[in-house]
Amino acid sequence: MNKFRYATQKDIPLILEFIKAIAEYEKMSDQVVATEELLNKWLFEKKLCEVIFVLEDGVEAGFALFFHNFSTFLGRGGIYLEDLFVKPQYRGRGYGKGLIKELSKIAVERGCGRLEWCCLDWNKPSIDFYLSLGARPMDEWTTYRLSGDSLTSLAKE
């Protein structure tokens, strides 16, 4: 049975460590601009997202960062999983599945209608894992994003 705990402010350096590790795994390290100060502001001052850790012998083996979204069709909130990462030395022990199960429990306890996330197209091990859990890709949907100069420029119009 997995043990979980919610992150606290003292975990900010550890959260940043996990973010950098997942960015490295996804070959996107150059895109990480998060700082401890930004994480404190958004996770703990504004409380716009949450982090849970899965523990092995009291050591954080993996993490999940998530926040609430809303489905107009369902008329209720959901949980969006932004990042899930298990350190390489802890893989194959059920911690990834444990984190998804824990998020599912949180979603059900909070009355949410769904749990959603995105996965890079090339990440076959993760895709196979998600499919094994009963998750299904959202065919006919494409994620769009405004960020950086495009976001700033549109906001100024």
C-alpha atoms as a PDB file:
ATOM      1  CA  MET A   1       0.000   0.000   0.000  1.00  0.00           C
ATOM      2  CA  ASN A   2       1.391   3.368  -1.013  1.00  0.00           C
ATOM      3  CA  LYS A   3       1.754   6.274   1.388  1.00  0.00           C
ATOM      4  CA  PHE A   4       1.018   9.795   0.170  1.00  0.00           C
ATOM      5  CA  ARG A   5       1.327  13.278   1.558  1.00  0.00           C
ATOM      6  CA  TYR A   6       0.431  16.743   0.387  1.00  0.00           C
ATOM      7  CA  ALA A   7       3.271  19.176  -0.186  1.00  0.00           C
ATOM      8  CA  THR A   8       3.856  22.048   2.205  1.00  0.00           C
ATOM      9  CA  GLN A   9       5.846  25.248   1.772  1.00  0.00           C
ATOM     10  CA  LYS A  10       8.986  23.534   3.066  1.00  0.00           C
ATOM     11  CA  ASP A  11       8.787  21.230   0.029  1.00  0.00           C
ATOM     12  CA  ILE A  12       9.242  23.999  -2.548  1.00  0.00           C
ATOM     13  CA  PRO A  13      12.883  23.063  -3.330  1.00  0.00           C
ATOM     14  CA  LEU A  14      11.848  19.414  -3.717  1.00  0.00           C
ATOM     15  CA  ILE A  15       8.943  20.345  -6.006  1.00  0.00           C
ATOM     16  CA  LEU A  16      11.317  22.350  -8.186  1.00  0.00           C
ATOM     17  CA  GLU A  17      13.685  19.367  -8.240  1.00  0.00           C
ATOM     18  CA  PHE A  18      10.852  17.146  -9.521  1.00  0.00           C
ATOM     19  CA  ILE A  19       9.851  19.747 -12.133  1.00  0.00           C
ATOM     20  CA  LYS A  20      13.415  19.902 -13.427  1.00  0.00           C
ATOM     21  CA  ALA A  21      13.609  16.094 -13.502  1.00  0.00           C
ATOM     22  CA  ILE A  22      10.444  15.721 -15.568  1.00  0.00           C
ATOM     23  CA  ALA A  23      11.602  18.500 -17.897  1.00  0.00           C
ATOM     24  CA  GLU A  24      14.870  16.654 -18.424  1.00  0.00           C
ATOM     25  CA  TYR A  25      12.994  13.408 -19.124  1.00  0.00           C
ATOM     26  CA  GLU A  26      10.771  15.223 -21.648  1.00  0.00           C
ATOM     27  CA  LYS A  27      13.819  16.864 -23.264  1.00  0.00           C
ATOM     28  CA  MET A  28      12.473  20.306 -22.321  1.00  0.00           C
ATOM     29  CA  SER A  29      14.913  21.471 -19.633  1.00  0.00           C
ATOM     30  CA  ASP A  30      15.542  24.700 -21.524  1.00  0.00           C
ATOM     31  CA  GLN A  31      11.881  25.667 -20.981  1.00  0.00           C
ATOM     32  CA  VAL A  32      11.923  25.590 -17.183  1.00  0.00           C
ATOM     33  CA  VAL A  33      11.774  29.123 -15.819  1.00  0.00           C
ATOM     34  CA  ALA A  34      10.005  28.205 -12.566  1.00  0.00           C
ATOM     35  CA  THR A  35      11.679  29.415  -9.382  1.00  0.00           C
ATOM     36  CA  GLU A  36      11.089  28.689  -5.725  1.00  0.00           C
ATOM     37  CA  GLU A  37       9.537  32.149  -5.393  1.00  0.00           C
ATOM     38  CA  LEU A  38       7.082  31.520  -8.260  1.00  0.00           C
ATOM     39  CA  LEU A  39       6.127  28.118  -6.895  1.00  0.00           C
ATOM     40  CA  ASN A  40       5.498  29.592  -3.459  1.00  0.00           C
ATOM     41  CA  LYS A  41       3.301  32.313  -4.947  1.00  0.00           C
ATOM     42  CA  TRP A  42       1.148  30.015  -7.100  1.00  0.00           C
ATOM     43  CA  LEU A  43       1.007  26.887  -4.936  1.00  0.00           C
ATOM     44  CA  PHE A  44       0.811  28.339  -1.460  1.00  0.00           C
ATOM     45  CA  GLU A  45      -0.186  32.014  -1.643  1.00  0.00           C
ATOM     46  CA  LYS A  46      -2.693  31.856  -4.506  1.00  0.00           C
ATOM     47  CA  LYS A  47      -3.439  28.146  -3.897  1.00  0.00           C
ATOM     48  CA  LEU A  48      -4.079  27.496  -7.591  1.00  0.00           C
ATOM     49  CA  CYS A  49      -2.559  24.036  -7.669  1.00  0.00           C
ATOM     50  CA  GLU A  50      -1.590  21.221  -5.343  1.00  0.00           C
ATOM     51  CA  VAL A  51       1.152  18.634  -5.091  1.00  0.00           C
ATOM     52  CA  ILE A  52       1.077  15.157  -3.628  1.00  0.00           C
ATOM     53  CA  PHE A  53       4.068  12.908  -3.083  1.00  0.00           C
ATOM     54  CA  VAL A  54       4.215   9.139  -2.998  1.00  0.00           C
ATOM     55  CA  LEU A  55       6.641   7.900  -0.351  1.00  0.00           C
ATOM     56  CA  GLU A  56       8.937   4.915   0.010  1.00  0.00           C
ATOM     57  CA  ASP A  57      10.281   4.536   3.525  1.00  0.00           C
ATOM     58  CA  GLY A  58       9.573   8.217   4.152  1.00  0.00           C
ATOM     59  CA  VAL A  59      11.399   9.359   0.993  1.00  0.00           C
ATOM     60  CA  GLU A  60       9.550  11.132  -1.820  1.00  0.00           C
ATOM     61  CA  ALA A  61       9.717   8.682  -4.749  1.00  0.00           C
ATOM     62  CA  GLY A  62       7.315  10.524  -7.051  1.00  0.00           C
ATOM     63  CA  PHE A  63       5.035  13.508  -7.309  1.00  0.00           C
ATOM     64  CA  ALA A  64       1.887  14.735  -8.996  1.00  0.00           C
ATOM     65  CA  LEU A  65       1.059  18.413  -9.525  1.00  0.00           C
ATOM     66  CA  PHE A  66      -2.620  19.071 -10.242  1.00  0.00           C
ATOM     67  CA  PHE A  67      -5.353  21.701 -10.205  1.00  0.00           C
ATOM     68  CA  HIS A  68      -9.081  21.993 -10.707  1.00  0.00           C
ATOM     69  CA  ASN A  69     -10.661  22.686 -14.065  1.00  0.00           C
ATOM     70  CA  PHE A  70     -14.339  22.877 -14.974  1.00  0.00           C
ATOM     71  CA  SER A  71     -16.551  21.043 -17.438  1.00  0.00           C
ATOM     72  CA  THR A  72     -19.467  23.087 -18.673  1.00  0.00           C
ATOM     73  CA  PHE A  73     -21.046  19.935 -20.135  1.00  0.00           C
ATOM     74  CA  LEU A  74     -20.864  18.078 -16.815  1.00  0.00           C
ATOM     75  CA  GLY A  75     -21.627  21.213 -14.816  1.00  0.00           C
ATOM     76  CA  ARG A  76     -18.927  20.424 -12.290  1.00  0.00           C
ATOM     77  CA  GLY A  77     -15.226  20.541 -11.675  1.00  0.00           C
ATOM     78  CA  GLY A  78     -12.559  18.095 -12.613  1.00  0.00           C
ATOM     79  CA  ILE A  79      -8.919  17.563 -11.837  1.00  0.00           C
ATOM     80  CA  TYR A  80      -6.223  18.309 -14.372  1.00  0.00           C
ATOM     81  CA  LEU A  81      -2.950  16.496 -13.800  1.00  0.00           C
ATOM     82  CA  GLU A  82      -0.193  18.810 -14.999  1.00  0.00           C
ATOM     83  CA  ASP A  83       2.784  16.630 -14.100  1.00  0.00           C
ATOM     84  CA  LEU A  84       3.389  13.147 -12.773  1.00  0.00           C
ATOM     85  CA  PHE A  85       6.917  11.905 -12.261  1.00  0.00           C
ATOM     86  CA  VAL A  86       8.494   8.967 -10.476  1.00  0.00           C
ATOM     87  CA  LYS A  87      12.241   9.058  -9.956  1.00  0.00           C
ATOM     88  CA  PRO A  88      13.989   6.443 -12.143  1.00  0.00           C
ATOM     89  CA  GLN A  89      15.300   4.418  -9.195  1.00  0.00           C
ATOM     90  CA  TYR A  90      11.717   3.948  -7.919  1.00  0.00           C
ATOM     91  CA  ARG A  91      10.049   2.976 -11.197  1.00  0.00           C
ATOM     92  CA  GLY A  92       8.376  -0.378 -11.639  1.00  0.00           C
ATOM     93  CA  ARG A  93       7.111  -0.450  -8.044  1.00  0.00           C
ATOM     94  CA  GLY A  94       3.568   0.789  -8.678  1.00  0.00           C
ATOM     95  CA  TYR A  95       4.141   4.391  -7.616  1.00  0.00           C
ATOM     96  CA  GLY A  96       2.870   5.923 -10.859  1.00  0.00           C
ATOM     97  CA  LYS A  97      -0.294   3.869 -10.670  1.00  0.00           C
ATOM     98  CA  GLY A  98      -0.571   4.729  -6.988  1.00  0.00           C
ATOM     99  CA  LEU A  99      -0.446   8.450  -7.759  1.00  0.00           C
ATOM    100  CA  ILE A 100      -3.144   8.124 -10.443  1.00  0.00           C
ATOM    101  CA  LYS A 101      -5.294   6.070  -8.064  1.00  0.00           C
ATOM    102  CA  GLU A 102      -4.834   8.655  -5.311  1.00  0.00           C
ATOM    103  CA  LEU A 103      -5.804  11.468  -7.690  1.00  0.00           C
ATOM    104  CA  SER A 104      -8.850   9.442  -8.735  1.00  0.00           C
ATOM    105  CA  LYS A 105      -9.845   9.113  -5.071  1.00  0.00           C
ATOM    106  CA  ILE A 106      -9.356  12.860  -4.545  1.00  0.00           C
ATOM    107  CA  ALA A 107     -11.494  13.587  -7.620  1.00  0.00           C
ATOM    108  CA  VAL A 108     -14.293  11.298  -6.418  1.00  0.00           C
ATOM    109  CA  GLU A 109     -14.150  12.665  -2.847  1.00  0.00           C
ATOM    110  CA  ARG A 110     -14.390  16.227  -4.186  1.00  0.00           C
ATOM    111  CA  GLY A 111     -17.313  15.359  -6.477  1.00  0.00           C
ATOM    112  CA  CYS A 112     -15.329  15.918  -9.659  1.00  0.00           C
ATOM    113  CA  GLY A 113     -16.534  14.507 -12.941  1.00  0.00           C
ATOM    114  CA  ARG A 114     -13.183  13.556 -14.435  1.00  0.00           C
ATOM    115  CA  LEU A 115      -9.416  13.390 -14.216  1.00  0.00           C
ATOM    116  CA  GLU A 116      -7.516  14.566 -17.294  1.00  0.00           C
ATOM    117  CA  TRP A 117      -3.939  15.055 -18.470  1.00  0.00           C
ATOM    118  CA  CYS A 118      -1.830  15.360 -21.598  1.00  0.00           C
ATOM    119  CA  CYS A 119       1.008  13.129 -22.714  1.00  0.00           C
ATOM    120  CA  LEU A 120       3.696  13.727 -25.301  1.00  0.00           C
ATOM    121  CA  ASP A 121       3.077  11.696 -28.467  1.00  0.00           C
ATOM    122  CA  TRP A 122       6.525  10.071 -28.363  1.00  0.00           C
ATOM    123  CA  ASN A 123       6.222   8.891 -24.751  1.00  0.00           C
ATOM    124  CA  LYS A 124       5.142   5.312 -25.515  1.00  0.00           C
ATOM    125  CA  PRO A 125       5.917   3.892 -22.034  1.00  0.00           C
ATOM    126  CA  SER A 126       3.594   6.461 -20.436  1.00  0.00           C
ATOM    127  CA  ILE A 127       0.928   6.047 -23.121  1.00  0.00           C
ATOM    128  CA  ASP A 128       0.924   2.274 -22.638  1.00  0.00           C
ATOM    129  CA  PHE A 129       0.726   2.776 -18.866  1.00  0.00           C
ATOM    130  CA  TYR A 130      -2.237   5.172 -19.151  1.00  0.00           C
ATOM    131  CA  LEU A 131      -4.073   2.841 -21.529  1.00  0.00           C
ATOM    132  CA  SER A 132      -3.542  -0.038 -19.072  1.00  0.00           C
ATOM    133  CA  LEU A 133      -5.398   2.002 -16.439  1.00  0.00           C
ATOM    134  CA  GLY A 134      -8.432   2.414 -18.691  1.00  0.00           C
ATOM    135  CA  ALA A 135      -7.631   5.994 -19.739  1.00  0.00           C
ATOM    136  CA  ARG A 136      -8.453   6.849 -23.333  1.00  0.00           C
ATOM    137  CA  PRO A 137      -6.941   9.483 -25.622  1.00  0.00           C
ATOM    138  CA  MET A 138      -9.239  12.304 -26.654  1.00  0.00           C
ATOM    139  CA  ASP A 139      -9.526  11.791 -30.398  1.00  0.00           C
ATOM    140  CA  GLU A 140     -10.684  14.765 -32.452  1.00  0.00           C
ATOM    141  CA  TRP A 141      -9.291  17.242 -29.898  1.00  0.00           C
ATOM    142  CA  THR A 142      -6.131  19.304 -30.271  1.00  0.00           C
ATOM    143  CA  THR A 143      -4.611  21.334 -27.462  1.00  0.00           C
ATOM    144  CA  TYR A 144      -3.919  24.967 -28.346  1.00  0.00           C
ATOM    145  CA  ARG A 145      -1.741  27.328 -26.365  1.00  0.00           C
ATOM    146  CA  LEU A 146      -1.038  31.032 -26.185  1.00  0.00           C
ATOM    147  CA  SER A 147       2.147  31.913 -24.324  1.00  0.00           C
ATOM    148  CA  GLY A 148       5.092  34.267 -24.340  1.00  0.00           C
ATOM    149  CA  ASP A 149       4.984  37.036 -26.955  1.00  0.00           C
ATOM    150  CA  SER A 150       1.764  35.730 -28.538  1.00  0.00           C
ATOM    151  CA  LEU A 151      -0.067  35.891 -25.209  1.00  0.00           C
ATOM    152  CA  THR A 152       1.325  39.316 -24.313  1.00  0.00           C
ATOM    153  CA  SER A 153       0.646  40.748 -27.748  1.00  0.00           C
ATOM    154  CA  LEU A 154      -2.966  39.535 -27.830  1.00  0.00           C
ATOM    155  CA  ALA A 155      -3.583  40.867 -24.318  1.00  0.00           C
ATOM    156  CA  LYS A 156      -2.440  44.327 -25.462  1.00  0.00           C
ATOM    157  CA  GLU A 157      -4.815  44.476 -28.459  1.00  0.00           C
END
